[in-house]
């Protein structure tokens, strides 16, 4: 199989490319320079440095010609800040590229597409009482992304959307997204305990994401959203690992707080957003209700796509150690790019 990828040098795309190549597939990726220093980019991957969105349709079709599978491993998540209306940014980076490129994939005879989405889509479908798409622009955009992607599926073109939860693991030279967590909990370091919501989350490692991307390209049929998880962990269990990685031991006391208390604590964040002219993709007040639930997912779908066991504790530990180093100013790493 010949695979064309947007985002093949990123944290997740790079791992998928490695696995594709190990299984005998051919991979080409478009990417924006620079490459993260020291990243294990597979030497067998053909990389074209360009902004594909600046190409004409004819130029893009020429790039896609002869390939079987399209992987969209680019875009942005809710942790990237934008001015209002923030939905416009999500549309630009996560939806518009699919509207433009998926029809071109079909025109040149490609067989399938795999889109990296978010488990917030799973949240919306399984917890309708939270009214997630009404309150949260980011979640609405992810549902819209799925609908746009599936609109191009037919008997000759399969489309898989991977609803990805929290992901742990690092790529040398690239800034982890977990620096924001360090910023959030740092203010409680001098307290005798950490106050945090009482829910939990699904999660998996970078390697496992690479495995399910490859599995979806090889196996997924029709138009299908895949809830992806390999581990389910409460915030209390997760934070014990986080504090150990920060050098504060494994016995940090974590006190679960109700949503109303979290909303009170986030008042400062709302004020800072207003002062900066930033609109949050996840509504600050509604976030408290999300964080209070155990947003757990069945692991059977990931295993069906070929995900294998990994050391999630080690992956969390590594992600947090690097994030702490970035927060402390000890290292300068490449951040997330949308294009």
Protein backbone atom coordinates (compact mmCIF):
# COMPACT_ATOMS: atom_id res chain seq x y z
CA UNK A 1 0.00 0.00 0.00
CA UNK A 2 1.17 3.52 -0.80
CA UNK A 3 0.33 6.04 1.91
CA UNK A 4 0.15 9.83 1.58
CA UNK A 5 0.18 11.72 4.88
CA UNK A 6 -0.24 15.27 6.06
CA UNK A 7 1.60 15.52 9.36
CA UNK A 8 4.04 12.65 8.91
CA UNK A 9 6.81 14.41 10.83
CA UNK A 10 4.63 15.17 13.86
CA UNK A 11 4.45 13.20 17.07
CA UNK A 12 1.71 10.83 15.90
CA UNK A 13 2.23 10.85 12.16
CA UNK A 14 5.91 10.01 12.53
CA UNK A 15 5.12 6.94 14.64
CA UNK A 16 2.47 5.81 12.16
CA UNK A 17 4.95 6.26 9.30
CA UNK A 18 7.49 4.09 11.12
CA UNK A 19 4.96 1.29 11.54
CA UNK A 20 3.66 1.58 7.97
CA UNK A 21 7.22 1.22 6.68
CA UNK A 22 7.97 -1.71 9.02
CA UNK A 23 4.96 -3.49 7.51
CA UNK A 24 6.21 -2.96 3.99
CA UNK A 25 4.11 0.04 2.99
CA UNK A 26 5.46 3.09 1.16
CA UNK A 27 4.95 6.49 2.84
CA UNK A 28 5.13 10.06 1.60
CA UNK A 29 4.42 13.10 3.76
CA UNK A 30 4.16 16.84 3.29
CA UNK A 31 5.48 18.90 6.18
CA UNK A 32 6.46 22.40 7.17
CA UNK A 33 10.08 22.93 8.19
CA UNK A 34 11.89 22.81 10.49
CA UNK A 35 12.00 19.23 11.62
CA UNK A 36 12.31 18.75 15.39
CA UNK A 37 15.95 18.20 16.25
CA UNK A 38 16.69 14.56 16.97
CA UNK A 39 13.25 13.27 15.97
CA UNK A 40 13.31 9.65 14.73
CA UNK A 41 11.94 10.46 11.27
CA UNK A 42 12.04 7.23 9.22
CA UNK A 43 14.72 7.71 6.54
CA UNK A 44 12.58 5.67 4.12
CA UNK A 45 9.74 8.22 4.26
CA UNK A 46 9.61 10.59 1.32
CA UNK A 47 9.13 14.12 2.70
CA UNK A 48 8.16 17.17 0.66
CA UNK A 49 8.56 20.42 2.57
CA UNK A 50 5.72 22.71 1.58
CA UNK A 51 2.39 24.14 2.68
CA UNK A 52 0.07 21.86 0.73
CA UNK A 53 -2.85 24.25 1.22
CA UNK A 54 -1.05 26.84 -0.90
CA UNK A 55 -0.95 24.41 -3.84
CA UNK A 56 -3.53 24.43 -6.63
CA UNK A 57 -5.98 21.52 -6.90
CA UNK A 58 -4.10 20.24 -9.94
CA UNK A 59 -0.82 20.36 -8.06
CA UNK A 60 -2.33 18.48 -5.11
CA UNK A 61 -3.81 15.82 -7.38
CA UNK A 62 -0.40 15.31 -8.94
CA UNK A 63 1.02 14.75 -5.46
CA UNK A 64 -1.73 12.26 -4.58
CA UNK A 65 -1.61 10.32 -7.85
CA UNK A 66 -0.71 6.66 -7.39
CA UNK A 67 -1.35 6.54 -3.64
CA UNK A 68 -3.90 4.27 -1.95
CA UNK A 69 -4.46 5.76 1.50
CA UNK A 70 -4.67 9.33 2.80
CA UNK A 71 -3.79 10.04 6.45
CA UNK A 72 -4.72 13.39 8.02
CA UNK A 73 -2.44 13.61 11.07
CA UNK A 74 -2.39 17.40 11.23
CA UNK A 75 -4.67 20.07 12.67
CA UNK A 76 -4.99 21.55 16.15
CA UNK A 77 -6.69 20.77 19.42
CA UNK A 78 -8.41 22.80 22.11
CA UNK A 79 -5.17 23.74 23.85
CA UNK A 80 -4.15 26.15 21.07
CA UNK A 81 -5.47 29.64 21.81
CA UNK A 82 -7.27 31.90 19.33
CA UNK A 83 -9.38 35.06 19.46
CA UNK A 84 -13.14 34.81 19.02
CA UNK A 85 -14.75 33.24 17.14
CA UNK A 86 -12.46 30.30 17.91
CA UNK A 87 -14.60 27.94 15.82
CA UNK A 88 -13.22 29.67 12.71
CA UNK A 89 -9.70 28.51 13.60
CA UNK A 90 -10.87 24.92 14.10
CA UNK A 91 -12.66 25.08 10.77
CA UNK A 92 -9.52 26.40 9.03
CA UNK A 93 -7.16 23.77 10.39
CA UNK A 94 -9.35 20.69 10.98
CA UNK A 95 -12.30 20.85 8.59
CA UNK A 96 -11.50 22.96 5.51
CA UNK A 97 -8.51 20.78 4.55
CA UNK A 98 -10.76 17.71 4.42
CA UNK A 99 -13.42 19.50 2.37
CA UNK A 100 -10.79 20.34 -0.18
CA UNK A 101 -8.49 17.33 -0.24
CA UNK A 102 -10.83 14.34 0.22
CA UNK A 103 -12.61 14.98 -3.10
CA UNK A 104 -9.19 15.15 -4.77
CA UNK A 105 -8.24 11.83 -3.16
CA UNK A 106 -11.33 10.27 -4.73
CA UNK A 107 -10.64 11.84 -8.11
CA UNK A 108 -7.23 10.18 -8.33
CA UNK A 109 -8.59 6.80 -7.21
CA UNK A 110 -7.41 6.56 -3.62
CA UNK A 111 -9.11 3.84 -1.61
CA UNK A 112 -9.44 5.25 1.89
CA UNK A 113 -8.73 8.01 4.38
CA UNK A 114 -7.90 8.00 8.08
CA UNK A 115 -8.62 11.17 10.05
CA UNK A 116 -7.21 11.88 13.51
CA UNK A 117 -10.13 13.24 15.54
CA UNK A 118 -11.00 13.64 19.22
CA UNK A 119 -12.70 11.63 21.93
CA UNK A 120 -14.74 14.71 22.67
CA UNK A 121 -16.89 13.49 19.76
CA UNK A 122 -17.41 10.29 21.77
CA UNK A 123 -18.33 12.47 24.75
CA UNK A 124 -21.01 14.30 22.78
CA UNK A 125 -22.58 11.07 21.52
CA UNK A 126 -22.58 9.30 24.88
CA UNK A 127 -23.36 12.17 27.27
CA UNK A 128 -26.03 14.21 25.46
CA UNK A 129 -27.13 15.75 28.75
CA UNK A 130 -23.92 17.81 28.78
CA UNK A 131 -25.01 19.58 25.56
CA UNK A 132 -21.36 19.61 24.54
CA UNK A 133 -21.74 20.94 21.01
CA UNK A 134 -23.84 23.85 22.27
CA UNK A 135 -21.38 24.90 24.96
CA UNK A 136 -18.00 24.05 23.45
CA UNK A 137 -16.86 25.31 20.01
CA UNK A 138 -14.08 22.74 19.87
CA UNK A 139 -16.42 19.80 20.42
CA UNK A 140 -18.86 21.16 17.85
CA UNK A 141 -15.99 21.43 15.37
CA UNK A 142 -14.94 17.82 15.93
CA UNK A 143 -18.47 16.56 15.31
CA UNK A 144 -18.63 18.72 12.19
CA UNK A 145 -15.26 17.31 11.12
CA UNK A 146 -16.60 13.77 11.34
CA UNK A 147 -19.71 14.65 9.37
CA UNK A 148 -17.67 16.34 6.64
CA UNK A 149 -15.27 13.40 6.42
CA UNK A 150 -18.05 10.81 6.23
CA UNK A 151 -19.86 12.77 3.53
CA UNK A 152 -17.16 11.64 1.09
CA UNK A 153 -17.36 7.93 1.90
CA UNK A 154 -18.92 5.58 -0.65
CA UNK A 155 -18.52 2.04 -1.97
CA UNK A 156 -15.14 2.94 -3.44
CA UNK A 157 -13.76 5.15 -0.67
CA UNK A 158 -13.63 4.22 3.03
CA UNK A 159 -13.29 6.87 5.74
CA UNK A 160 -12.21 6.20 9.33
CA UNK A 161 -12.14 8.85 12.05
CA UNK A 162 -10.10 7.95 15.14
CA UNK A 163 -11.61 9.52 18.26
CA UNK A 164 -8.39 9.94 20.19
CA UNK A 165 -8.22 10.62 23.96
CA UNK A 166 -5.22 11.79 25.99
CA UNK A 167 -1.97 10.60 24.44
CA UNK A 168 1.34 10.15 26.24
CA UNK A 169 4.84 9.84 24.90
CA UNK A 170 7.39 12.26 23.48
CA UNK A 171 9.21 13.06 20.28
CA UNK A 172 12.76 14.43 20.65
CA UNK A 173 12.82 18.11 19.78
CA UNK A 174 9.04 18.66 20.06
CA UNK A 175 7.25 20.42 22.91
CA UNK A 176 4.68 18.17 24.67
CA UNK A 177 1.13 19.47 25.02
CA UNK A 178 1.29 18.69 28.74
CA UNK A 179 3.16 21.88 29.64
CA UNK A 180 -0.30 23.37 30.20
CA UNK A 181 -0.96 20.84 32.96
CA UNK A 182 2.22 21.91 34.76
CA UNK A 183 1.01 25.51 34.55
CA UNK A 184 -2.35 24.52 36.04
CA UNK A 185 -1.15 22.53 39.05
CA UNK A 186 2.05 24.45 39.83
CA UNK A 187 0.15 26.99 41.90
CA UNK A 188 -0.85 24.24 44.37
CA UNK A 189 2.68 22.93 44.95
CA UNK A 190 3.04 24.73 48.29
CA UNK A 191 -0.30 23.46 49.56
CA UNK A 192 -0.50 20.20 51.56
CA UNK A 193 -2.73 18.71 48.86
CA UNK A 194 -3.89 19.15 45.27
CA UNK A 195 -7.54 19.83 44.58
CA UNK A 196 -8.72 18.38 41.29
CA UNK A 197 -11.96 17.09 39.72
CA UNK A 198 -13.17 13.64 40.66
CA UNK A 199 -13.56 12.09 37.21
CA UNK A 200 -11.09 10.41 34.90
CA UNK A 201 -10.08 9.85 31.30
CA UNK A 202 -9.26 7.37 28.61
CA UNK A 203 -5.70 7.37 27.33
CA UNK A 204 -3.03 5.55 25.31
CA UNK A 205 0.57 5.90 24.20
CA UNK A 206 2.04 7.41 21.06
CA UNK A 207 3.08 3.98 19.81
CA UNK A 208 -0.46 2.70 20.22
CA UNK A 209 -1.82 5.64 18.23
CA UNK A 210 0.59 4.75 15.43
CA UNK A 211 -0.68 1.17 15.52
CA UNK A 212 -4.35 2.15 15.24
CA UNK A 213 -3.65 4.60 12.41
CA UNK A 214 -2.02 1.82 10.42
CA UNK A 215 -4.74 -0.63 11.44
CA UNK A 216 -7.49 1.73 10.29
CA UNK A 217 -5.81 2.19 6.89
CA UNK A 218 -5.52 -1.57 6.52
CA UNK A 219 -8.85 -2.72 7.98
CA UNK A 220 -11.53 -0.03 8.41
CA UNK A 221 -14.44 -0.18 5.96
CA UNK A 222 -17.25 2.23 5.14
CA UNK A 223 -17.69 5.42 7.16
CA UNK A 224 -16.80 4.67 10.77
CA UNK A 225 -15.84 6.57 13.91
CA UNK A 226 -13.53 4.51 16.11
CA UNK A 227 -13.46 5.28 19.89
CA UNK A 228 -9.79 4.78 20.72
CA UNK A 229 -8.46 3.91 24.18
CA UNK A 230 -6.13 1.40 25.79
CA UNK A 231 -6.27 2.54 29.42
CA UNK A 232 -8.81 4.23 31.68
CA UNK A 233 -7.54 6.15 34.69
CA UNK A 234 -9.06 8.46 37.30
CA UNK A 235 -7.54 11.92 37.65
CA UNK A 236 -6.37 10.94 41.11
CA UNK A 237 -4.46 7.92 39.74
CA UNK A 238 -3.06 10.01 36.90
CA UNK A 239 -1.87 12.86 39.12
CA UNK A 240 0.00 10.45 41.41
CA UNK A 241 2.18 9.59 38.38
CA UNK A 242 2.46 13.25 37.39
CA UNK A 243 3.79 14.27 40.80
CA UNK A 244 6.24 11.38 40.83
CA UNK A 245 7.54 12.52 37.44
CA UNK A 246 7.94 16.02 38.81
CA UNK A 247 10.15 14.66 41.59
CA UNK A 248 7.58 15.16 44.35
CA UNK A 249 7.02 11.49 45.19
CA UNK A 250 4.12 9.12 44.59
CA UNK A 251 2.18 9.95 47.74
CA UNK A 252 0.90 13.44 46.96
CA UNK A 253 -2.53 13.87 48.53
CA UNK A 254 -5.21 14.49 45.88
CA UNK A 255 -8.62 15.75 46.98
CA UNK A 256 -11.51 15.44 44.52
CA UNK A 257 -13.63 18.59 44.26
CA UNK A 258 -17.17 18.96 42.84
CA UNK A 259 -17.85 20.90 39.62
CA UNK A 260 -19.13 24.00 41.39
CA UNK A 261 -15.85 24.34 43.26
CA UNK A 262 -13.81 23.90 40.09
CA UNK A 263 -15.88 26.63 38.43
CA UNK A 264 -15.03 28.98 41.27
CA UNK A 265 -11.35 28.16 40.91
CA UNK A 266 -11.44 28.84 37.17
CA UNK A 267 -12.73 32.38 37.60
CA UNK A 268 -9.19 33.73 37.18
CA UNK A 269 -8.77 31.80 33.93
CA UNK A 270 -11.97 33.30 32.52
CA UNK A 271 -10.73 36.77 33.41
CA UNK A 272 -7.35 36.15 31.75
CA UNK A 273 -9.03 34.94 28.57
CA UNK A 274 -11.19 38.06 28.50
CA UNK A 275 -8.17 40.32 28.98
CA UNK A 276 -6.26 38.60 26.17
CA UNK A 277 -9.27 38.52 23.86
CA UNK A 278 -9.13 34.74 23.75
CA UNK A 279 -12.15 32.48 23.32
CA UNK A 280 -11.69 29.03 24.81
CA UNK A 281 -12.56 26.05 22.62
CA UNK A 282 -13.82 24.30 25.75
CA UNK A 283 -16.13 26.54 27.75
CA UNK A 284 -14.50 27.06 31.14
CA UNK A 285 -17.70 26.55 33.14
CA UNK A 286 -18.71 23.48 31.14
CA UNK A 287 -15.23 22.00 31.53
CA UNK A 288 -15.95 21.37 35.21
CA UNK A 289 -18.82 19.03 34.30
CA UNK A 290 -16.68 17.16 31.77
CA UNK A 291 -13.80 16.73 34.22
CA UNK A 292 -16.20 15.34 36.84
CA UNK A 293 -17.18 12.28 34.80
CA UNK A 294 -15.17 9.15 34.13
CA UNK A 295 -14.76 9.61 30.41
CA UNK A 296 -13.73 6.00 29.92
CA UNK A 297 -13.84 4.03 26.67
CA UNK A 298 -13.87 0.33 25.79
CA UNK A 299 -10.47 -0.86 24.62
CA UNK A 300 -11.87 -3.42 22.19
CA UNK A 301 -11.91 -1.05 19.21
CA UNK A 302 -8.25 -0.15 19.57
CA UNK A 303 -7.33 -3.81 19.90
CA UNK A 304 -9.40 -4.60 16.82
CA UNK A 305 -7.22 -2.13 14.91
CA UNK A 306 -4.07 -3.77 16.21
CA UNK A 307 -3.04 -1.76 19.27
CA UNK A 308 -0.79 -3.76 21.59
CA UNK A 309 0.10 -3.36 25.26
CA UNK A 310 2.52 -0.63 26.29
CA UNK A 311 3.82 0.98 29.48
CA UNK A 312 1.39 3.85 30.01
CA UNK A 313 2.95 4.84 33.33
CA UNK A 314 6.37 5.23 31.70
CA UNK A 315 4.83 7.23 28.84
CA UNK A 316 3.11 9.62 31.29
CA UNK A 317 6.31 9.91 33.31
CA UNK A 318 8.34 10.81 30.21
CA UNK A 319 5.76 13.32 28.94
CA UNK A 320 5.63 15.13 32.27
CA UNK A 321 9.41 15.19 32.78
CA UNK A 322 9.92 16.87 29.41
CA UNK A 323 6.99 19.22 30.01
CA UNK A 324 8.46 20.26 33.37
CA UNK A 325 11.81 20.94 31.69
CA UNK A 326 10.07 23.16 29.13
CA UNK A 327 8.15 24.96 31.87
CA UNK A 328 11.37 25.55 33.80
CA UNK A 329 13.03 26.98 30.69
CA UNK A 330 15.69 24.27 30.57
CA UNK A 331 14.91 23.30 26.97
CA UNK A 332 13.48 25.07 23.91
CA UNK A 333 11.40 22.79 21.71
CA UNK A 334 9.16 23.12 18.65
CA UNK A 335 5.51 23.74 19.45
CA UNK A 336 2.34 22.61 17.69
CA UNK A 337 1.68 23.81 14.15
CA UNK A 338 -1.72 23.67 12.49
CA UNK A 339 -0.70 24.00 8.86
